[in-house]
């Protein structure tokens, strides 16, 4: 697997944010329909970000940003 740190960095880069700008960071390895993914969640201001990143390839499978 790519590791939690690589998944975290991929999500941050995609969101265009720096680690110092976000709060409530959560990274968890999980199985989704037989596929291992990293679930990455964090908050920046009033925006809540939610990512699913393929645990082997590092591909972003889901990227959502919603107002908290």
PDB file of N, CA and C in Angstrom:
ATOM      1  N   UNK A   1       0.827  -1.201   0.000  1.00  0.00           N
ATOM      2  CA  UNK A   1       0.000   0.000   0.000  1.00  0.00           C
ATOM      3  C   UNK A   1       0.868   1.260   0.000  1.00  0.00           C
ATOM      4  N   UNK A   2       0.305   2.358  -0.491  1.00  0.00           N
ATOM      5  CA  UNK A   2       1.085   3.601  -0.591  1.00  0.00           C
ATOM      6  C   UNK A   2       1.369   4.220   0.771  1.00  0.00           C
ATOM      7  N   UNK A   3       0.547   3.932   1.768  1.00  0.00           N
ATOM      8  CA  UNK A   3       0.745   4.455   3.111  1.00  0.00           C
ATOM      9  C   UNK A   3      -0.144   5.664   3.400  1.00  0.00           C
ATOM     10  N   UNK A   4      -0.444   5.850   4.676  1.00  0.00           N
ATOM     11  CA  UNK A   4      -1.331   6.935   5.084  1.00  0.00           C
ATOM     12  C   UNK A   4      -0.773   8.306   4.732  1.00  0.00           C
ATOM     13  N   UNK A   5       0.534   8.483   4.890  1.00  0.00           N
ATOM     14  CA  UNK A   5       1.144   9.792   4.621  1.00  0.00           C
ATOM     15  C   UNK A   5       1.018  10.172   3.149  1.00  0.00           C
ATOM     16  N   UNK A   6       1.248   9.216   2.246  1.00  0.00           N
ATOM     17  CA  UNK A   6       1.122   9.486   0.811  1.00  0.00           C
ATOM     18  C   UNK A   6      -0.327   9.789   0.438  1.00  0.00           C
ATOM     19  N   UNK A   7      -1.275   9.066   1.029  1.00  0.00           N
ATOM     20  CA  UNK A   7      -2.695   9.323   0.771  1.00  0.00           C
ATOM     21  C   UNK A   7      -3.075  10.717   1.263  1.00  0.00           C
ATOM     22  N   UNK A   8      -2.584  11.070   2.446  1.00  0.00           N
ATOM     23  CA  UNK A   8      -2.849  12.392   3.021  1.00  0.00           C
ATOM     24  C   UNK A   8      -2.311  13.494   2.105  1.00  0.00           C
ATOM     25  N   UNK A   9      -1.082  13.348   1.634  1.00  0.00           N
ATOM     26  CA  UNK A   9      -0.478  14.345   0.763  1.00  0.00           C
ATOM     27  C   UNK A   9      -1.222  14.450  -0.562  1.00  0.00           C
ATOM     28  N   UNK A  10      -1.679  13.339  -1.102  1.00  0.00           N
ATOM     29  CA  UNK A  10      -2.438  13.347  -2.358  1.00  0.00           C
ATOM     30  C   UNK A  10      -3.733  14.145  -2.197  1.00  0.00           C
ATOM     31  N   UNK A  11      -4.448  13.920  -1.097  1.00  0.00           N
ATOM     32  CA  UNK A  11      -5.691  14.645  -0.852  1.00  0.00           C
ATOM     33  C   UNK A  11      -5.432  16.139  -0.665  1.00  0.00           C
ATOM     34  N   UNK A  12      -4.420  16.474   0.109  1.00  0.00           N
ATOM     35  CA  UNK A  12      -4.086  17.891   0.326  1.00  0.00           C
ATOM     36  C   UNK A  12      -3.722  18.581  -0.984  1.00  0.00           C
ATOM     37  N   UNK A  13      -2.891  17.932  -1.790  1.00  0.00           N
ATOM     38  CA  UNK A  13      -2.499  18.504  -3.081  1.00  0.00           C
ATOM     39  C   UNK A  13      -3.709  18.714  -3.973  1.00  0.00           C
ATOM     40  N   UNK A  14      -4.605  17.737  -4.004  1.00  0.00           N
ATOM     41  CA  UNK A  14      -5.806  17.843  -4.834  1.00  0.00           C
ATOM     42  C   UNK A  14      -6.675  19.018  -4.389  1.00  0.00           C
ATOM     43  N   UNK A  15      -6.771  19.209  -3.076  1.00  0.00           N
ATOM     44  CA  UNK A  15      -7.586  20.301  -2.532  1.00  0.00           C
ATOM     45  C   UNK A  15      -6.877  21.655  -2.653  1.00  0.00           C
ATOM     46  N   UNK A  16      -5.573  21.621  -2.947  1.00  0.00           N
ATOM     47  CA  UNK A  16      -4.818  22.864  -3.066  1.00  0.00           C
ATOM     48  C   UNK A  16      -4.554  23.527  -1.722  1.00  0.00           C
ATOM     49  N   UNK A  17      -4.431  22.712  -0.674  1.00  0.00           N
ATOM     50  CA  UNK A  17      -4.248  23.230   0.676  1.00  0.00           C
ATOM     51  C   UNK A  17      -2.922  22.776   1.266  1.00  0.00           C
ATOM     52  N   UNK A  18      -2.517  23.466   2.342  1.00  0.00           N
ATOM     53  CA  UNK A  18      -1.333  23.080   3.106  1.00  0.00           C
ATOM     54  C   UNK A  18      -1.789  22.483   4.425  1.00  0.00           C
ATOM     55  N   UNK A  19      -0.972  21.616   4.987  1.00  0.00           N
ATOM     56  CA  UNK A  19      -1.332  20.943   6.243  1.00  0.00           C
ATOM     57  C   UNK A  19      -1.637  21.944   7.360  1.00  0.00           C
ATOM     58  N   UNK A  20      -0.945  23.067   7.372  1.00  0.00           N
ATOM     59  CA  UNK A  20      -1.157  24.067   8.420  1.00  0.00           C
ATOM     60  C   UNK A  20      -2.513  24.764   8.309  1.00  0.00           C
ATOM     61  N   UNK A  21      -3.193  24.619   7.170  1.00  0.00           N
ATOM     62  CA  UNK A  21      -4.482  25.274   6.960  1.00  0.00           C
ATOM     63  C   UNK A  21      -5.676  24.434   7.401  1.00  0.00           C
ATOM     64  N   UNK A  22      -5.452  23.159   7.704  1.00  0.00           N
ATOM     65  CA  UNK A  22      -6.574  22.254   7.957  1.00  0.00           C
ATOM     66  C   UNK A  22      -6.612  21.779   9.406  1.00  0.00           C
ATOM     67  N   UNK A  23      -7.804  21.345   9.818  1.00  0.00           N
ATOM     68  CA  UNK A  23      -8.011  20.789  11.155  1.00  0.00           C
ATOM     69  C   UNK A  23      -8.770  19.474  11.010  1.00  0.00           C
ATOM     70  N   UNK A  24      -8.909  18.778  12.108  1.00  0.00           N
ATOM     71  CA  UNK A  24      -9.660  17.513  12.181  1.00  0.00           C
ATOM     72  C   UNK A  24      -9.230  16.518  11.102  1.00  0.00           C
ATOM     73  N   UNK A  25      -7.928  16.344  10.973  1.00  0.00           N
ATOM     74  CA  UNK A  25      -7.369  15.403   9.999  1.00  0.00           C
ATOM     75  C   UNK A  25      -7.677  13.976  10.433  1.00  0.00           C
ATOM     76  N   UNK A  26      -8.138  13.166   9.475  1.00  0.00           N
ATOM     77  CA  UNK A  26      -8.405  11.753   9.741  1.00  0.00           C
ATOM     78  C   UNK A  26      -8.032  10.953   8.492  1.00  0.00           C
ATOM     79  N   UNK A  27      -7.179   9.949   8.667  1.00  0.00           N
ATOM     80  CA  UNK A  27      -6.793   9.057   7.572  1.00  0.00           C
ATOM     81  C   UNK A  27      -6.959   7.638   8.074  1.00  0.00           C
ATOM     82  N   UNK A  28      -7.698   6.823   7.309  1.00  0.00           N
ATOM     83  CA  UNK A  28      -7.980   5.463   7.758  1.00  0.00           C
ATOM     84  C   UNK A  28      -7.977   4.513   6.560  1.00  0.00           C
ATOM     85  N   UNK A  29      -7.309   3.382   6.720  1.00  0.00           N
ATOM     86  CA  UNK A  29      -7.330   2.333   5.698  1.00  0.00           C
ATOM     87  C   UNK A  29      -8.603   1.519   5.889  1.00  0.00           C
ATOM     88  N   UNK A  30      -9.342   1.312   4.794  1.00  0.00           N
ATOM     89  CA  UNK A  30     -10.623   0.614   4.882  1.00  0.00           C
ATOM     90  C   UNK A  30     -10.858  -0.172   3.591  1.00  0.00           C
ATOM     91  N   UNK A  31     -11.779  -1.104   3.664  1.00  0.00           N
ATOM     92  CA  UNK A  31     -12.174  -1.885   2.484  1.00  0.00           C
ATOM     93  C   UNK A  31     -13.523  -1.371   1.996  1.00  0.00           C
ATOM     94  N   UNK A  32     -13.610  -1.065   0.698  1.00  0.00           N
ATOM     95  CA  UNK A  32     -14.845  -0.567   0.105  1.00  0.00           C
ATOM     96  C   UNK A  32     -15.173  -1.442  -1.104  1.00  0.00           C
ATOM     97  N   UNK A  33     -16.172  -2.281  -0.984  1.00  0.00           N
ATOM     98  CA  UNK A  33     -16.576  -3.206  -2.053  1.00  0.00           C
ATOM     99  C   UNK A  33     -15.398  -4.044  -2.551  1.00  0.00           C
ATOM    100  N   UNK A  34     -14.606  -4.561  -1.610  1.00  0.00           N
ATOM    101  CA  UNK A  34     -13.495  -5.434  -1.960  1.00  0.00           C
ATOM    102  C   UNK A  34     -12.228  -4.718  -2.379  1.00  0.00           C
ATOM    103  N   UNK A  35     -12.238  -3.390  -2.375  1.00  0.00           N
ATOM    104  CA  UNK A  35     -11.073  -2.596  -2.769  1.00  0.00           C
ATOM    105  C   UNK A  35     -10.536  -1.879  -1.535  1.00  0.00           C
ATOM    106  N   UNK A  36      -9.234  -1.989  -1.298  1.00  0.00           N
ATOM    107  CA  UNK A  36      -8.627  -1.298  -0.166  1.00  0.00           C
ATOM    108  C   UNK A  36      -8.421   0.172  -0.528  1.00  0.00           C
ATOM    109  N   UNK A  37      -8.935   1.053   0.323  1.00  0.00           N
ATOM    110  CA  UNK A  37      -8.847   2.492   0.096  1.00  0.00           C
ATOM    111  C   UNK A  37      -8.436   3.192   1.386  1.00  0.00           C
ATOM    112  N   UNK A  38      -7.860   4.364   1.223  1.00  0.00           N
ATOM    113  CA  UNK A  38      -7.634   5.257   2.351  1.00  0.00           C
ATOM    114  C   UNK A  38      -8.760   6.269   2.356  1.00  0.00           C
ATOM    115  N   UNK A  39      -9.445   6.367   3.477  1.00  0.00           N
ATOM    116  CA  UNK A  39     -10.462   7.398   3.662  1.00  0.00           C
ATOM    117  C   UNK A  39      -9.771   8.573   4.337  1.00  0.00           C
ATOM    118  N   UNK A  40      -9.800   9.716   3.677  1.00  0.00           N
ATOM    119  CA  UNK A  40      -9.130  10.914   4.182  1.00  0.00           C
ATOM    120  C   UNK A  40     -10.182  11.995   4.381  1.00  0.00           C
ATOM    121  N   UNK A  41     -10.222  12.542   5.582  1.00  0.00           N
ATOM    122  CA  UNK A  41     -11.175  13.614   5.892  1.00  0.00           C
ATOM    123  C   UNK A  41     -10.438  14.731   6.617  1.00  0.00           C
ATOM    124  N   UNK A  42     -10.822  15.970   6.309  1.00  0.00           N
ATOM    125  CA  UNK A  42     -10.267  17.116   7.021  1.00  0.00           C
ATOM    126  C   UNK A  42     -11.170  18.321   6.808  1.00  0.00           C
ATOM    127  N   UNK A  43     -10.931  19.360   7.608  1.00  0.00           N
ATOM    128  CA  UNK A  43     -11.741  20.571   7.577  1.00  0.00           C
ATOM    129  C   UNK A  43     -10.825  21.766   7.360  1.00  0.00           C
ATOM    130  N   UNK A  44     -11.286  22.705   6.538  1.00  0.00           N
ATOM    131  CA  UNK A  44     -10.603  23.984   6.353  1.00  0.00           C
ATOM    132  C   UNK A  44     -11.670  25.063   6.439  1.00  0.00           C
ATOM    133  N   UNK A  45     -11.638  25.824   7.520  1.00  0.00           N
ATOM    134  CA  UNK A  45     -12.681  26.826   7.723  1.00  0.00           C
ATOM    135  C   UNK A  45     -14.029  26.139   7.882  1.00  0.00           C
ATOM    136  N   UNK A  46     -14.982  26.495   7.015  1.00  0.00           N
ATOM    137  CA  UNK A  46     -16.306  25.875   7.065  1.00  0.00           C
ATOM    138  C   UNK A  46     -16.473  24.773   6.023  1.00  0.00           C
ATOM    139  N   UNK A  47     -15.386  24.436   5.326  1.00  0.00           N
ATOM    140  CA  UNK A  47     -15.453  23.388   4.307  1.00  0.00           C
ATOM    141  C   UNK A  47     -14.938  22.067   4.874  1.00  0.00           C
ATOM    142  N   UNK A  48     -15.710  21.005   4.611  1.00  0.00           N
ATOM    143  CA  UNK A  48     -15.318  19.661   5.021  1.00  0.00           C
ATOM    144  C   UNK A  48     -14.968  18.869   3.765  1.00  0.00           C
ATOM    145  N   UNK A  49     -13.778  18.273   3.745  1.00  0.00           N
ATOM    146  CA  UNK A  49     -13.285  17.520   2.597  1.00  0.00           C
ATOM    147  C   UNK A  49     -13.302  16.029   2.912  1.00  0.00           C
ATOM    148  N   UNK A  50     -13.685  15.236   1.904  1.00  0.00           N
ATOM    149  CA  UNK A  50     -13.804  13.790   2.065  1.00  0.00           C
ATOM    150  C   UNK A  50     -13.240  13.125   0.811  1.00  0.00           C
ATOM    151  N   UNK A  51     -12.215  12.292   0.999  1.00  0.00           N
ATOM    152  CA  UNK A  51     -11.560  11.617  -0.120  1.00  0.00           C
ATOM    153  C   UNK A  51     -11.525  10.114   0.102  1.00  0.00           C
ATOM    154  N   UNK A  52     -11.559   9.376  -1.003  1.00  0.00           N
ATOM    155  CA  UNK A  52     -11.222   7.959  -1.008  1.00  0.00           C
ATOM    156  C   UNK A  52     -10.099   7.795  -2.014  1.00  0.00           C
ATOM    157  N   UNK A  53      -8.995   7.229  -1.552  1.00  0.00           N
ATOM    158  CA  UNK A  53      -7.807   7.073  -2.390  1.00  0.00           C
ATOM    159  C   UNK A  53      -7.434   5.601  -2.440  1.00  0.00           C
ATOM    160  N   UNK A  54      -7.275   5.084  -3.658  1.00  0.00           N
ATOM    161  CA  UNK A  54      -6.925   3.675  -3.861  1.00  0.00           C
ATOM    162  C   UNK A  54      -5.631   3.373  -3.126  1.00  0.00           C
ATOM    163  N   UNK A  55      -5.638   2.338  -2.284  1.00  0.00           N
ATOM    164  CA  UNK A  55      -4.514   2.048  -1.398  1.00  0.00           C
ATOM    165  C   UNK A  55      -3.271   1.554  -2.134  1.00  0.00           C
ATOM    166  N   UNK A  56      -3.430   1.039  -3.357  1.00  0.00           N
ATOM    167  CA  UNK A  56      -2.277   0.531  -4.097  1.00  0.00           C
ATOM    168  C   UNK A  56      -1.786   1.555  -5.123  1.00  0.00           C
ATOM    169  N   UNK A  57      -2.696   2.093  -5.938  1.00  0.00           N
ATOM    170  CA  UNK A  57      -2.288   2.990  -7.026  1.00  0.00           C
ATOM    171  C   UNK A  57      -2.167   4.444  -6.607  1.00  0.00           C
ATOM    172  N   UNK A  58      -2.844   4.847  -5.524  1.00  0.00           N
ATOM    173  CA  UNK A  58      -2.849   6.244  -5.112  1.00  0.00           C
ATOM    174  C   UNK A  58      -3.854   7.086  -5.872  1.00  0.00           C
ATOM    175  N   UNK A  59      -4.643   6.449  -6.746  1.00  0.00           N
ATOM    176  CA  UNK A  59      -5.649   7.165  -7.536  1.00  0.00           C
ATOM    177  C   UNK A  59      -6.767   7.668  -6.625  1.00  0.00           C
ATOM    178  N   UNK A  60      -7.202   8.906  -6.869  1.00  0.00           N
ATOM    179  CA  UNK A  60      -8.330   9.457  -6.127  1.00  0.00           C
ATOM    180  C   UNK A  60      -9.613   8.882  -6.720  1.00  0.00           C
ATOM    181  N   UNK A  61     -10.349   8.126  -5.904  1.00  0.00           N
ATOM    182  CA  UNK A  61     -11.583   7.499  -6.359  1.00  0.00           C
ATOM    183  C   UNK A  61     -12.793   8.379  -6.052  1.00  0.00           C
ATOM    184  N   UNK A  62     -12.683   9.192  -4.998  1.00  0.00           N
ATOM    185  CA  UNK A  62     -13.786  10.084  -4.620  1.00  0.00           C
ATOM    186  C   UNK A  62     -13.184  11.328  -3.999  1.00  0.00           C
ATOM    187  N   UNK A  63     -13.729  12.482  -4.385  1.00  0.00           N
ATOM    188  CA  UNK A  63     -13.292  13.752  -3.804  1.00  0.00           C
ATOM    189  C   UNK A  63     -14.517  14.630  -3.639  1.00  0.00           C
ATOM    190  N   UNK A  64     -14.833  14.972  -2.402  1.00  0.00           N
ATOM    191  CA  UNK A  64     -15.998  15.800  -2.118  1.00  0.00           C
ATOM    192  C   UNK A  64     -15.598  16.918  -1.167  1.00  0.00           C
ATOM    193  N   UNK A  65     -16.222  18.066  -1.365  1.00  0.00           N
ATOM    194  CA  UNK A  65     -16.040  19.198  -0.454  1.00  0.00           C
ATOM    195  C   UNK A  65     -17.412  19.786  -0.203  1.00  0.00           C
ATOM    196  N   UNK A  66     -17.794  19.841   1.059  1.00  0.00           N
ATOM    197  CA  UNK A  66     -19.107  20.356   1.441  1.00  0.00           C
ATOM    198  C   UNK A  66     -18.951  21.387   2.526  1.00  0.00           C
ATOM    199  N   UNK A  67     -19.880  22.338   2.540  1.00  0.00           N
ATOM    200  CA  UNK A  67     -19.876  23.342   3.604  1.00  0.00           C
ATOM    201  C   UNK A  67     -20.324  22.667   4.899  1.00  0.00           C
ATOM    202  N   UNK A  68     -19.519  22.819   5.945  1.00  0.00           N
ATOM    203  CA  UNK A  68     -19.778  22.176   7.240  1.00  0.00           C
ATOM    204  C   UNK A  68     -20.947  22.813   7.960  1.00  0.00           C
TER     205      UNK A  68
END
